[in-house]
């Protein structure tokens, strides 16, 4: 099993969810997060005053899947999240040792 963490632009979330649902991904956790990468934030003007935004709003997606599905899930996320601009995001893939469904006690891939 694998655990995928993707940090992407918030306005791409619905397209990503649609792409993942279409390929059969049944579960997804989404969190609003802030951070910065190479762009190091940006300047904005509000009521005539310019100020620096150091942390850019993003969404973090967390997905637990079978190892055989990793490539397809990454391709779906990249296809839906890509805008060809700085700040499109990052995807991290980690090994997932175990999972337990609390309601039934199922473990491993059956719990996903």
PDB file of N, CA and C in Angstrom:
ATOM      1  N   UNK A   1       0.842  -1.181   0.000  1.00  0.00           N
ATOM      2  CA  UNK A   1       0.000   0.000   0.000  1.00  0.00           C
ATOM      3  C   UNK A   1       0.883   1.238   0.000  1.00  0.00           C
ATOM      4  N   UNK A   2       0.354   2.304  -0.551  1.00  0.00           N
ATOM      5  CA  UNK A   2       1.077   3.563  -0.623  1.00  0.00           C
ATOM      6  C   UNK A   2       0.201   4.692  -0.081  1.00  0.00           C
ATOM      7  N   UNK A   3       0.867   5.729   0.395  1.00  0.00           N
ATOM      8  CA  UNK A   3       0.199   6.909   0.922  1.00  0.00           C
ATOM      9  C   UNK A   3       0.667   8.090   0.080  1.00  0.00           C
ATOM     10  N   UNK A   4      -0.236   8.716  -0.629  1.00  0.00           N
ATOM     11  CA  UNK A   4       0.116   9.835  -1.503  1.00  0.00           C
ATOM     12  C   UNK A   4      -0.309  11.131  -0.842  1.00  0.00           C
ATOM     13  N   UNK A   5       0.611  12.075  -0.800  1.00  0.00           N
ATOM     14  CA  UNK A   5       0.329  13.421  -0.312  1.00  0.00           C
ATOM     15  C   UNK A   5       0.580  14.366  -1.473  1.00  0.00           C
ATOM     16  N   UNK A   6      -0.431  15.132  -1.840  1.00  0.00           N
ATOM     17  CA  UNK A   6      -0.285  16.107  -2.923  1.00  0.00           C
ATOM     18  C   UNK A   6      -0.645  17.483  -2.382  1.00  0.00           C
ATOM     19  N   UNK A   7       0.186  18.463  -2.657  1.00  0.00           N
ATOM     20  CA  UNK A   7      -0.074  19.848  -2.275  1.00  0.00           C
ATOM     21  C   UNK A   7      -0.244  20.629  -3.571  1.00  0.00           C
ATOM     22  N   UNK A   8      -1.447  21.174  -3.784  1.00  0.00           N
ATOM     23  CA  UNK A   8      -1.789  21.791  -5.067  1.00  0.00           C
ATOM     24  C   UNK A   8      -2.551  23.096  -4.864  1.00  0.00           C
ATOM     25  N   UNK A   9      -2.773  23.790  -5.979  1.00  0.00           N
ATOM     26  CA  UNK A   9      -3.538  25.039  -5.944  1.00  0.00           C
ATOM     27  C   UNK A   9      -5.005  24.753  -5.614  1.00  0.00           C
ATOM     28  N   UNK A  10      -5.609  25.570  -4.757  1.00  0.00           N
ATOM     29  CA  UNK A  10      -6.993  25.319  -4.338  1.00  0.00           C
ATOM     30  C   UNK A  10      -8.005  25.292  -5.484  1.00  0.00           C
ATOM     31  N   UNK A  11      -7.832  26.120  -6.496  1.00  0.00           N
ATOM     32  CA  UNK A  11      -8.828  26.177  -7.568  1.00  0.00           C
ATOM     33  C   UNK A  11      -8.788  24.939  -8.479  1.00  0.00           C
ATOM     34  N   UNK A  12      -7.799  24.068  -8.307  1.00  0.00           N
ATOM     35  CA  UNK A  12      -7.713  22.838  -9.098  1.00  0.00           C
ATOM     36  C   UNK A  12      -8.333  21.641  -8.381  1.00  0.00           C
ATOM     37  N   UNK A  13      -8.788  21.830  -7.152  1.00  0.00           N
ATOM     38  CA  UNK A  13      -9.282  20.731  -6.329  1.00  0.00           C
ATOM     39  C   UNK A  13     -10.438  19.970  -6.970  1.00  0.00           C
ATOM     40  N   UNK A  14     -11.429  20.668  -7.487  1.00  0.00           N
ATOM     41  CA  UNK A  14     -12.601  19.992  -8.051  1.00  0.00           C
ATOM     42  C   UNK A  14     -12.224  19.153  -9.276  1.00  0.00           C
ATOM     43  N   UNK A  15     -11.329  19.663 -10.117  1.00  0.00           N
ATOM     44  CA  UNK A  15     -10.871  18.895 -11.278  1.00  0.00           C
ATOM     45  C   UNK A  15     -10.116  17.635 -10.847  1.00  0.00           C
ATOM     46  N   UNK A  16      -9.315  17.753  -9.804  1.00  0.00           N
ATOM     47  CA  UNK A  16      -8.565  16.604  -9.294  1.00  0.00           C
ATOM     48  C   UNK A  16      -9.528  15.571  -8.716  1.00  0.00           C
ATOM     49  N   UNK A  17     -10.484  16.029  -7.920  1.00  0.00           N
ATOM     50  CA  UNK A  17     -11.465  15.115  -7.330  1.00  0.00           C
ATOM     51  C   UNK A  17     -12.238  14.365  -8.415  1.00  0.00           C
ATOM     52  N   UNK A  18     -12.641  15.086  -9.448  1.00  0.00           N
ATOM     53  CA  UNK A  18     -13.364  14.467 -10.557  1.00  0.00           C
ATOM     54  C   UNK A  18     -12.508  13.408 -11.251  1.00  0.00           C
ATOM     55  N   UNK A  19     -11.247  13.714 -11.504  1.00  0.00           N
ATOM     56  CA  UNK A  19     -10.342  12.766 -12.164  1.00  0.00           C
ATOM     57  C   UNK A  19     -10.118  11.522 -11.307  1.00  0.00           C
ATOM     58  N   UNK A  20      -9.936  11.712 -10.004  1.00  0.00           N
ATOM     59  CA  UNK A  20      -9.706  10.569  -9.117  1.00  0.00           C
ATOM     60  C   UNK A  20     -10.955   9.714  -8.969  1.00  0.00           C
ATOM     61  N   UNK A  21     -12.100  10.347  -8.862  1.00  0.00           N
ATOM     62  CA  UNK A  21     -13.360   9.610  -8.747  1.00  0.00           C
ATOM     63  C   UNK A  21     -13.618   8.794 -10.010  1.00  0.00           C
ATOM     64  N   UNK A  22     -13.321   9.368 -11.162  1.00  0.00           N
ATOM     65  CA  UNK A  22     -13.525   8.680 -12.434  1.00  0.00           C
ATOM     66  C   UNK A  22     -12.664   7.428 -12.556  1.00  0.00           C
ATOM     67  N   UNK A  23     -11.508   7.431 -11.909  1.00  0.00           N
ATOM     68  CA  UNK A  23     -10.637   6.254 -11.994  1.00  0.00           C
ATOM     69  C   UNK A  23     -10.856   5.269 -10.853  1.00  0.00           C
ATOM     70  N   UNK A  24     -11.825   5.557  -9.976  1.00  0.00           N
ATOM     71  CA  UNK A  24     -12.194   4.596  -8.945  1.00  0.00           C
ATOM     72  C   UNK A  24     -11.608   4.817  -7.571  1.00  0.00           C
ATOM     73  N   UNK A  25     -10.946   5.944  -7.341  1.00  0.00           N
ATOM     74  CA  UNK A  25     -10.435   6.233  -6.001  1.00  0.00           C
ATOM     75  C   UNK A  25     -11.636   6.507  -5.095  1.00  0.00           C
ATOM     76  N   UNK A  26     -11.720   5.768  -3.994  1.00  0.00           N
ATOM     77  CA  UNK A  26     -12.901   5.832  -3.146  1.00  0.00           C
ATOM     78  C   UNK A  26     -12.759   6.739  -1.941  1.00  0.00           C
ATOM     79  N   UNK A  27     -11.551   7.108  -1.575  1.00  0.00           N
ATOM     80  CA  UNK A  27     -11.368   7.927  -0.394  1.00  0.00           C
ATOM     81  C   UNK A  27     -10.301   8.981  -0.601  1.00  0.00           C
ATOM     82  N   UNK A  28     -10.518  10.127   0.030  1.00  0.00           N
ATOM     83  CA  UNK A  28      -9.615  11.265  -0.143  1.00  0.00           C
ATOM     84  C   UNK A  28      -9.793  12.188   1.045  1.00  0.00           C
ATOM     85  N   UNK A  29      -8.700  12.654   1.615  1.00  0.00           N
ATOM     86  CA  UNK A  29      -8.755  13.635   2.694  1.00  0.00           C
ATOM     87  C   UNK A  29      -8.172  14.935   2.170  1.00  0.00           C
ATOM     88  N   UNK A  30      -8.869  16.043   2.416  1.00  0.00           N
ATOM     89  CA  UNK A  30      -8.431  17.349   1.933  1.00  0.00           C
ATOM     90  C   UNK A  30      -8.283  18.301   3.117  1.00  0.00           C
ATOM     91  N   UNK A  31      -7.166  19.028   3.141  1.00  0.00           N
ATOM     92  CA  UNK A  31      -6.916  20.028   4.183  1.00  0.00           C
ATOM     93  C   UNK A  31      -6.486  21.335   3.527  1.00  0.00           C
ATOM     94  N   UNK A  32      -6.937  22.456   4.080  1.00  0.00           N
ATOM     95  CA  UNK A  32      -6.437  23.754   3.642  1.00  0.00           C
ATOM     96  C   UNK A  32      -5.120  24.001   4.359  1.00  0.00           C
ATOM     97  N   UNK A  33      -4.093  24.326   3.596  1.00  0.00           N
ATOM     98  CA  UNK A  33      -2.768  24.569   4.163  1.00  0.00           C
ATOM     99  C   UNK A  33      -2.184  25.837   3.553  1.00  0.00           C
ATOM    100  N   UNK A  34      -1.094  26.313   4.134  1.00  0.00           N
ATOM    101  CA  UNK A  34      -0.354  27.454   3.598  1.00  0.00           C
ATOM    102  C   UNK A  34       1.107  27.074   3.554  1.00  0.00           C
ATOM    103  N   UNK A  35       1.824  27.620   2.594  1.00  0.00           N
ATOM    104  CA  UNK A  35       3.244  27.347   2.507  1.00  0.00           C
ATOM    105  C   UNK A  35       3.871  28.101   1.354  1.00  0.00           C
ATOM    106  N   UNK A  36       5.132  27.801   1.104  1.00  0.00           N
ATOM    107  CA  UNK A  36       5.794  28.411  -0.045  1.00  0.00           C
ATOM    108  C   UNK A  36       6.849  27.460  -0.561  1.00  0.00           C
ATOM    109  N   UNK A  37       7.137  27.594  -1.821  1.00  0.00           N
ATOM    110  CA  UNK A  37       8.188  26.825  -2.472  1.00  0.00           C
ATOM    111  C   UNK A  37       9.139  27.798  -3.118  1.00  0.00           C
ATOM    112  N   UNK A  38       9.450  27.555  -4.350  1.00  0.00           N
ATOM    113  CA  UNK A  38      10.392  28.423  -5.063  1.00  0.00           C
ATOM    114  C   UNK A  38       9.880  29.838  -5.251  1.00  0.00           C
ATOM    115  N   UNK A  39       8.551  30.018  -5.296  1.00  0.00           N
ATOM    116  CA  UNK A  39       8.036  31.359  -5.553  1.00  0.00           C
ATOM    117  C   UNK A  39       8.184  32.279  -4.343  1.00  0.00           C
ATOM    118  N   UNK A  40       8.403  31.745  -3.162  1.00  0.00           N
ATOM    119  CA  UNK A  40       8.644  32.520  -1.945  1.00  0.00           C
ATOM    120  C   UNK A  40       7.552  33.545  -1.654  1.00  0.00           C
ATOM    121  N   UNK A  41       6.307  33.224  -1.948  1.00  0.00           N
ATOM    122  CA  UNK A  41       5.212  34.152  -1.692  1.00  0.00           C
ATOM    123  C   UNK A  41       5.054  35.133  -2.837  1.00  0.00           C
ATOM    124  N   UNK A  42       4.245  36.167  -2.612  1.00  0.00           N
ATOM    125  CA  UNK A  42       4.028  37.163  -3.647  1.00  0.00           C
ATOM    126  C   UNK A  42       3.510  38.461  -3.021  1.00  0.00           C
ATOM    127  N   UNK A  43       3.509  39.532  -3.808  1.00  0.00           N
ATOM    128  CA  UNK A  43       2.992  40.824  -3.354  1.00  0.00           C
ATOM    129  C   UNK A  43       1.563  41.003  -3.832  1.00  0.00           C
ATOM    130  N   UNK A  44       0.732  41.619  -3.003  1.00  0.00           N
ATOM    131  CA  UNK A  44      -0.634  41.944  -3.377  1.00  0.00           C
ATOM    132  C   UNK A  44      -0.920  43.382  -2.984  1.00  0.00           C
ATOM    133  N   UNK A  45      -1.907  43.973  -3.649  1.00  0.00           N
ATOM    134  CA  UNK A  45      -2.323  45.330  -3.320  1.00  0.00           C
ATOM    135  C   UNK A  45      -3.751  45.262  -2.798  1.00  0.00           C
ATOM    136  N   UNK A  46      -3.966  45.823  -1.617  1.00  0.00           N
ATOM    137  CA  UNK A  46      -5.290  45.851  -1.006  1.00  0.00           C
ATOM    138  C   UNK A  46      -5.574  47.279  -0.562  1.00  0.00           C
ATOM    139  N   UNK A  47      -6.620  47.877  -1.126  1.00  0.00           N
ATOM    140  CA  UNK A  47      -7.011  49.262  -0.828  1.00  0.00           C
ATOM    141  C   UNK A  47      -5.848  50.228  -0.980  1.00  0.00           C
ATOM    142  N   UNK A  48      -5.095  50.025  -2.039  1.00  0.00           N
ATOM    143  CA  UNK A  48      -4.006  50.932  -2.373  1.00  0.00           C
ATOM    144  C   UNK A  48      -2.696  50.655  -1.673  1.00  0.00           C
ATOM    145  N   UNK A  49      -2.675  49.738  -0.730  1.00  0.00           N
ATOM    146  CA  UNK A  49      -1.443  49.430   0.000  1.00  0.00           C
ATOM    147  C   UNK A  49      -0.898  48.081  -0.463  1.00  0.00           C
ATOM    148  N   UNK A  50       0.389  48.068  -0.768  1.00  0.00           N
ATOM    149  CA  UNK A  50       1.013  46.816  -1.189  1.00  0.00           C
ATOM    150  C   UNK A  50       1.551  46.085   0.034  1.00  0.00           C
ATOM    151  N   UNK A  51       1.338  44.786   0.071  1.00  0.00           N
ATOM    152  CA  UNK A  51       1.879  43.992   1.169  1.00  0.00           C
ATOM    153  C   UNK A  51       2.358  42.648   0.645  1.00  0.00           C
ATOM    154  N   UNK A  52       3.239  42.030   1.403  1.00  0.00           N
ATOM    155  CA  UNK A  52       3.855  40.774   1.012  1.00  0.00           C
ATOM    156  C   UNK A  52       3.095  39.603   1.630  1.00  0.00           C
ATOM    157  N   UNK A  53       2.719  38.633   0.784  1.00  0.00           N
ATOM    158  CA  UNK A  53       2.092  37.402   1.256  1.00  0.00           C
ATOM    159  C   UNK A  53       3.186  36.328   1.263  1.00  0.00           C
ATOM    160  N   UNK A  54       3.649  35.964   2.457  1.00  0.00           N
ATOM    161  CA  UNK A  54       4.763  35.020   2.568  1.00  0.00           C
ATOM    162  C   UNK A  54       4.327  33.572   2.392  1.00  0.00           C
ATOM    163  N   UNK A  55       3.119  33.252   2.810  1.00  0.00           N
ATOM    164  CA  UNK A  55       2.623  31.891   2.700  1.00  0.00           C
ATOM    165  C   UNK A  55       1.458  31.864   1.730  1.00  0.00           C
ATOM    166  N   UNK A  56       1.567  31.006   0.734  1.00  0.00           N
ATOM    167  CA  UNK A  56       0.566  30.911  -0.318  1.00  0.00           C
ATOM    168  C   UNK A  56      -0.466  29.846   0.076  1.00  0.00           C
ATOM    169  N   UNK A  57      -1.772  30.140  -0.081  1.00  0.00           N
ATOM    170  CA  UNK A  57      -2.780  29.129   0.235  1.00  0.00           C
ATOM    171  C   UNK A  57      -2.724  27.954  -0.744  1.00  0.00           C
ATOM    172  N   UNK A  58      -2.800  26.744  -0.219  1.00  0.00           N
ATOM    173  CA  UNK A  58      -2.783  25.510  -1.002  1.00  0.00           C
ATOM    174  C   UNK A  58      -3.791  24.547  -0.380  1.00  0.00           C
ATOM    175  N   UNK A  59      -4.026  23.432  -1.057  1.00  0.00           N
ATOM    176  CA  UNK A  59      -4.775  22.343  -0.448  1.00  0.00           C
ATOM    177  C   UNK A  59      -3.882  21.109  -0.442  1.00  0.00           C
ATOM    178  N   UNK A  60      -4.006  20.336   0.618  1.00  0.00           N
ATOM    179  CA  UNK A  60      -3.240  19.100   0.744  1.00  0.00           C
ATOM    180  C   UNK A  60      -4.207  17.935   0.631  1.00  0.00           C
ATOM    181  N   UNK A  61      -3.921  17.042  -0.318  1.00  0.00           N
ATOM    182  CA  UNK A  61      -4.717  15.847  -0.516  1.00  0.00           C
ATOM    183  C   UNK A  61      -3.947  14.655   0.047  1.00  0.00           C
ATOM    184  N   UNK A  62      -4.644  13.775   0.730  1.00  0.00           N
ATOM    185  CA  UNK A  62      -4.026  12.566   1.261  1.00  0.00           C
ATOM    186  C   UNK A  62      -4.850  11.373   0.783  1.00  0.00           C
ATOM    187  N   UNK A  63      -4.164  10.408   0.179  1.00  0.00           N
ATOM    188  CA  UNK A  63      -4.837   9.264  -0.423  1.00  0.00           C
ATOM    189  C   UNK A  63      -4.072   7.995  -0.072  1.00  0.00           C
ATOM    190  N   UNK A  64      -4.775   7.006   0.473  1.00  0.00           N
ATOM    191  CA  UNK A  64      -4.198   5.689   0.726  1.00  0.00           C
ATOM    192  C   UNK A  64      -4.698   4.757  -0.385  1.00  0.00           C
ATOM    193  N   UNK A  65      -3.762   4.121  -1.095  1.00  0.00           N
ATOM    194  CA  UNK A  65      -4.149   3.277  -2.230  1.00  0.00           C
ATOM    195  C   UNK A  65      -3.272   2.034  -2.313  1.00  0.00           C
ATOM    196  N   UNK A  66      -3.696   1.097  -3.143  1.00  0.00           N
ATOM    197  CA  UNK A  66      -2.879  -0.083  -3.422  1.00  0.00           C
ATOM    198  C   UNK A  66      -1.654   0.350  -4.222  1.00  0.00           C
ATOM    199  N   UNK A  67      -0.541  -0.310  -3.986  1.00  0.00           N
ATOM    200  CA  UNK A  67       0.709   0.054  -4.658  1.00  0.00           C
ATOM    201  C   UNK A  67       0.584  -0.007  -6.178  1.00  0.00           C
ATOM    202  N   UNK A  68      -0.254  -0.887  -6.684  1.00  0.00           N
ATOM    203  CA  UNK A  68      -0.405  -1.027  -8.131  1.00  0.00           C
ATOM    204  C   UNK A  68      -1.099   0.165  -8.777  1.00  0.00           C
ATOM    205  N   UNK A  69      -1.739   1.015  -7.988  1.00  0.00           N
ATOM    206  CA  UNK A  69      -2.488   2.161  -8.511  1.00  0.00           C
ATOM    207  C   UNK A  69      -1.704   3.471  -8.496  1.00  0.00           C
ATOM    208  N   UNK A  70      -0.499   3.469  -7.948  1.00  0.00           N
ATOM    209  CA  UNK A  70       0.257   4.715  -7.747  1.00  0.00           C
ATOM    210  C   UNK A  70       0.456   5.503  -9.032  1.00  0.00           C
ATOM    211  N   UNK A  71       0.942   4.869 -10.059  1.00  0.00           N
ATOM    212  CA  UNK A  71       1.238   5.571 -11.310  1.00  0.00           C
ATOM    213  C   UNK A  71      -0.007   6.223 -11.888  1.00  0.00           C
ATOM    214  N   UNK A  72      -1.132   5.505 -11.887  1.00  0.00           N
ATOM    215  CA  UNK A  72      -2.377   6.054 -12.434  1.00  0.00           C
ATOM    216  C   UNK A  72      -2.882   7.238 -11.613  1.00  0.00           C
ATOM    217  N   UNK A  73      -2.759   7.150 -10.292  1.00  0.00           N
ATOM    218  CA  UNK A  73      -3.217   8.239  -9.429  1.00  0.00           C
ATOM    219  C   UNK A  73      -2.340   9.474  -9.627  1.00  0.00           C
ATOM    220  N   UNK A  74      -1.045   9.283  -9.709  1.00  0.00           N
ATOM    221  CA  UNK A  74      -0.139  10.421  -9.929  1.00  0.00           C
ATOM    222  C   UNK A  74      -0.427  11.076 -11.275  1.00  0.00           C
ATOM    223  N   UNK A  75      -0.626  10.283 -12.305  1.00  0.00           N
ATOM    224  CA  UNK A  75      -0.948  10.839 -13.622  1.00  0.00           C
ATOM    225  C   UNK A  75      -2.261  11.610 -13.591  1.00  0.00           C
ATOM    226  N   UNK A  76      -3.255  11.109 -12.875  1.00  0.00           N
ATOM    227  CA  UNK A  76      -4.544  11.798 -12.774  1.00  0.00           C
ATOM    228  C   UNK A  76      -4.399  13.125 -12.044  1.00  0.00           C
ATOM    229  N   UNK A  77      -3.643  13.132 -10.946  1.00  0.00           N
ATOM    230  CA  UNK A  77      -3.437  14.377 -10.194  1.00  0.00           C
ATOM    231  C   UNK A  77      -2.670  15.382 -11.043  1.00  0.00           C
ATOM    232  N   UNK A  78      -1.589  14.942 -11.661  1.00  0.00           N
ATOM    233  CA  UNK A  78      -0.786  15.847 -12.492  1.00  0.00           C
ATOM    234  C   UNK A  78      -1.608  16.408 -13.649  1.00  0.00           C
ATOM    235  N   UNK A  79      -2.372  15.567 -14.296  1.00  0.00           N
ATOM    236  CA  UNK A  79      -3.181  16.021 -15.420  1.00  0.00           C
ATOM    237  C   UNK A  79      -4.215  17.057 -15.026  1.00  0.00           C
ATOM    238  N   UNK A  80      -4.816  16.892 -13.849  1.00  0.00           N
ATOM    239  CA  UNK A  80      -5.860  17.815 -13.410  1.00  0.00           C
ATOM    240  C   UNK A  80      -5.298  19.061 -12.721  1.00  0.00           C
ATOM    241  N   UNK A  81      -4.108  18.962 -12.136  1.00  0.00           N
ATOM    242  CA  UNK A  81      -3.550  20.078 -11.364  1.00  0.00           C
ATOM    243  C   UNK A  81      -2.648  20.993 -12.180  1.00  0.00           C
ATOM    244  N   UNK A  82      -2.149  20.504 -13.302  1.00  0.00           N
ATOM    245  CA  UNK A  82      -1.128  21.234 -14.058  1.00  0.00           C
ATOM    246  C   UNK A  82      -1.701  22.470 -14.749  1.00  0.00           C
ATOM    247  N   UNK A  83      -1.026  23.603 -14.518  1.00  0.00           N
ATOM    248  CA  UNK A  83      -1.372  24.852 -15.202  1.00  0.00           C
ATOM    249  C   UNK A  83      -0.170  25.409 -15.961  1.00  0.00           C
ATOM    250  N   UNK A  84       0.978  24.735 -15.857  1.00  0.00           N
ATOM    251  CA  UNK A  84       2.243  25.181 -16.457  1.00  0.00           C
ATOM    252  C   UNK A  84       2.737  26.496 -15.866  1.00  0.00           C
ATOM    253  N   UNK A  85       2.366  26.758 -14.622  1.00  0.00           N
ATOM    254  CA  UNK A  85       2.841  27.964 -13.939  1.00  0.00           C
ATOM    255  C   UNK A  85       3.509  27.563 -12.635  1.00  0.00           C
ATOM    256  N   UNK A  86       4.354  28.451 -12.134  1.00  0.00           N
ATOM    257  CA  UNK A  86       5.020  28.193 -10.857  1.00  0.00           C
ATOM    258  C   UNK A  86       3.963  28.011  -9.784  1.00  0.00           C
ATOM    259  N   UNK A  87       4.176  27.036  -8.908  1.00  0.00           N
ATOM    260  CA  UNK A  87       3.261  26.816  -7.798  1.00  0.00           C
ATOM    261  C   UNK A  87       2.199  25.772  -8.066  1.00  0.00           C
ATOM    262  N   UNK A  88       2.335  24.999  -9.150  1.00  0.00           N
ATOM    263  CA  UNK A  88       1.355  23.949  -9.441  1.00  0.00           C
ATOM    264  C   UNK A  88       1.292  22.905  -8.335  1.00  0.00           C
ATOM    265  N   UNK A  89       2.392  22.676  -7.633  1.00  0.00           N
ATOM    266  CA  UNK A  89       2.354  21.781  -6.487  1.00  0.00           C
ATOM    267  C   UNK A  89       3.392  20.686  -6.509  1.00  0.00           C
ATOM    268  N   UNK A  90       3.265  19.787  -5.539  1.00  0.00           N
ATOM    269  CA  UNK A  90       4.175  18.652  -5.378  1.00  0.00           C
ATOM    270  C   UNK A  90       3.354  17.430  -4.996  1.00  0.00           C
ATOM    271  N   UNK A  91       3.889  16.259  -5.329  1.00  0.00           N
ATOM    272  CA  UNK A  91       3.281  14.996  -4.922  1.00  0.00           C
ATOM    273  C   UNK A  91       4.364  14.166  -4.237  1.00  0.00           C
ATOM    274  N   UNK A  92       4.027  13.630  -3.079  1.00  0.00           N
ATOM    275  CA  UNK A  92       4.938  12.779  -2.323  1.00  0.00           C
ATOM    276  C   UNK A  92       4.300  11.397  -2.185  1.00  0.00           C
ATOM    277  N   UNK A  93       5.097  10.345  -2.344  1.00  0.00           N
ATOM    278  CA  UNK A  93       4.602   8.977  -2.220  1.00  0.00           C
ATOM    279  C   UNK A  93       5.379   8.295  -1.096  1.00  0.00           C
ATOM    280  N   UNK A  94       4.645   7.762  -0.130  1.00  0.00           N
ATOM    281  CA  UNK A  94       5.249   7.088   1.016  1.00  0.00           C
ATOM    282  C   UNK A  94       4.728   5.659   1.098  1.00  0.00           C
ATOM    283  N   UNK A  95       5.528   4.781   1.682  1.00  0.00           N
ATOM    284  CA  UNK A  95       5.061   3.426   1.953  1.00  0.00           C
ATOM    285  C   UNK A  95       4.069   3.480   3.104  1.00  0.00           C
ATOM    286  N   UNK A  96       3.008   2.712   2.989  1.00  0.00           N
ATOM    287  CA  UNK A  96       1.984   2.642   4.028  1.00  0.00           C
ATOM    288  C   UNK A  96       2.030   1.240   4.617  1.00  0.00           C
ATOM    289  N   UNK A  97       2.439   1.149   5.853  1.00  0.00           N
ATOM    290  CA  UNK A  97       2.643  -0.151   6.488  1.00  0.00           C
ATOM    291  C   UNK A  97       1.338  -0.895   6.744  1.00  0.00           C
ATOM    292  N   UNK A  98       0.325  -0.203   7.227  1.00  0.00           N
ATOM    293  CA  UNK A  98      -0.932  -0.877   7.536  1.00  0.00           C
ATOM    294  C   UNK A  98      -2.057   0.142   7.586  1.00  0.00           C
ATOM    295  N   UNK A  99      -3.271  -0.342   7.501  1.00  0.00           N
ATOM    296  CA  UNK A  99      -4.471   0.480   7.645  1.00  0.00           C
ATOM    297  C   UNK A  99      -5.514  -0.363   8.370  1.00  0.00           C
ATOM    298  N   UNK A 100      -6.349   0.287   9.171  1.00  0.00           N
ATOM    299  CA  UNK A 100      -7.396  -0.410   9.905  1.00  0.00           C
ATOM    300  C   UNK A 100      -8.693   0.365   9.740  1.00  0.00           C
ATOM    301  N   UNK A 101      -9.748  -0.326   9.322  1.00  0.00           N
ATOM    302  CA  UNK A 101     -11.075   0.287   9.269  1.00  0.00           C
ATOM    303  C   UNK A 101     -11.673   0.135  10.667  1.00  0.00           C
ATOM    304  N   UNK A 102     -11.919   1.247  11.321  1.00  0.00           N
ATOM    305  CA  UNK A 102     -12.364   1.244  12.707  1.00  0.00           C
ATOM    306  C   UNK A 102     -13.692   0.509  12.865  1.00  0.00           C
ATOM    307  N   UNK A 103     -14.636   0.747  11.994  1.00  0.00           N
ATOM    308  CA  UNK A 103     -15.977   0.171  12.122  1.00  0.00           C
ATOM    309  C   UNK A 103     -15.969  -1.351  12.089  1.00  0.00           C
ATOM    310  N   UNK A 104     -15.217  -1.954  11.141  1.00  0.00           N
ATOM    311  CA  UNK A 104     -15.264  -3.403  10.946  1.00  0.00           C
ATOM    312  C   UNK A 104     -14.040  -4.146  11.443  1.00  0.00           C
ATOM    313  N   UNK A 105     -12.951  -3.431  11.691  1.00  0.00           N
ATOM    314  CA  UNK A 105     -11.711  -4.090  12.105  1.00  0.00           C
ATOM    315  C   UNK A 105     -10.892  -4.638  10.959  1.00  0.00           C
ATOM    316  N   UNK A 106     -11.352  -4.423   9.698  1.00  0.00           N
ATOM    317  CA  UNK A 106     -10.576  -4.887   8.537  1.00  0.00           C
ATOM    318  C   UNK A 106      -9.207  -4.216   8.558  1.00  0.00           C
ATOM    319  N   UNK A 107      -8.207  -4.941   8.058  1.00  0.00           N
ATOM    320  CA  UNK A 107      -6.865  -4.391   8.018  1.00  0.00           C
ATOM    321  C   UNK A 107      -6.285  -4.514   6.613  1.00  0.00           C
ATOM    322  N   UNK A 108      -5.171  -3.819   6.405  1.00  0.00           N
ATOM    323  CA  UNK A 108      -4.476  -3.876   5.121  1.00  0.00           C
ATOM    324  C   UNK A 108      -5.280  -3.257   3.993  1.00  0.00           C
ATOM    325  N   UNK A 109      -5.107  -3.817   2.795  1.00  0.00           N
ATOM    326  CA  UNK A 109      -5.766  -3.268   1.604  1.00  0.00           C
ATOM    327  C   UNK A 109      -7.277  -3.324   1.711  1.00  0.00           C
ATOM    328  N   UNK A 110      -7.827  -4.258   2.458  1.00  0.00           N
ATOM    329  CA  UNK A 110      -9.282  -4.351   2.629  1.00  0.00           C
ATOM    330  C   UNK A 110      -9.842  -3.155   3.375  1.00  0.00           C
ATOM    331  N   UNK A 111      -8.998  -2.494   4.173  1.00  0.00           N
ATOM    332  CA  UNK A 111      -9.453  -1.344   4.963  1.00  0.00           C
ATOM    333  C   UNK A 111      -9.486  -0.049   4.161  1.00  0.00           C
ATOM    334  N   UNK A 112      -8.867  -0.062   3.006  1.00  0.00           N
ATOM    335  CA  UNK A 112      -8.798   1.183   2.216  1.00  0.00           C
ATOM    336  C   UNK A 112     -10.106   1.457   1.531  1.00  0.00           C
TER     337      UNK A 112
END
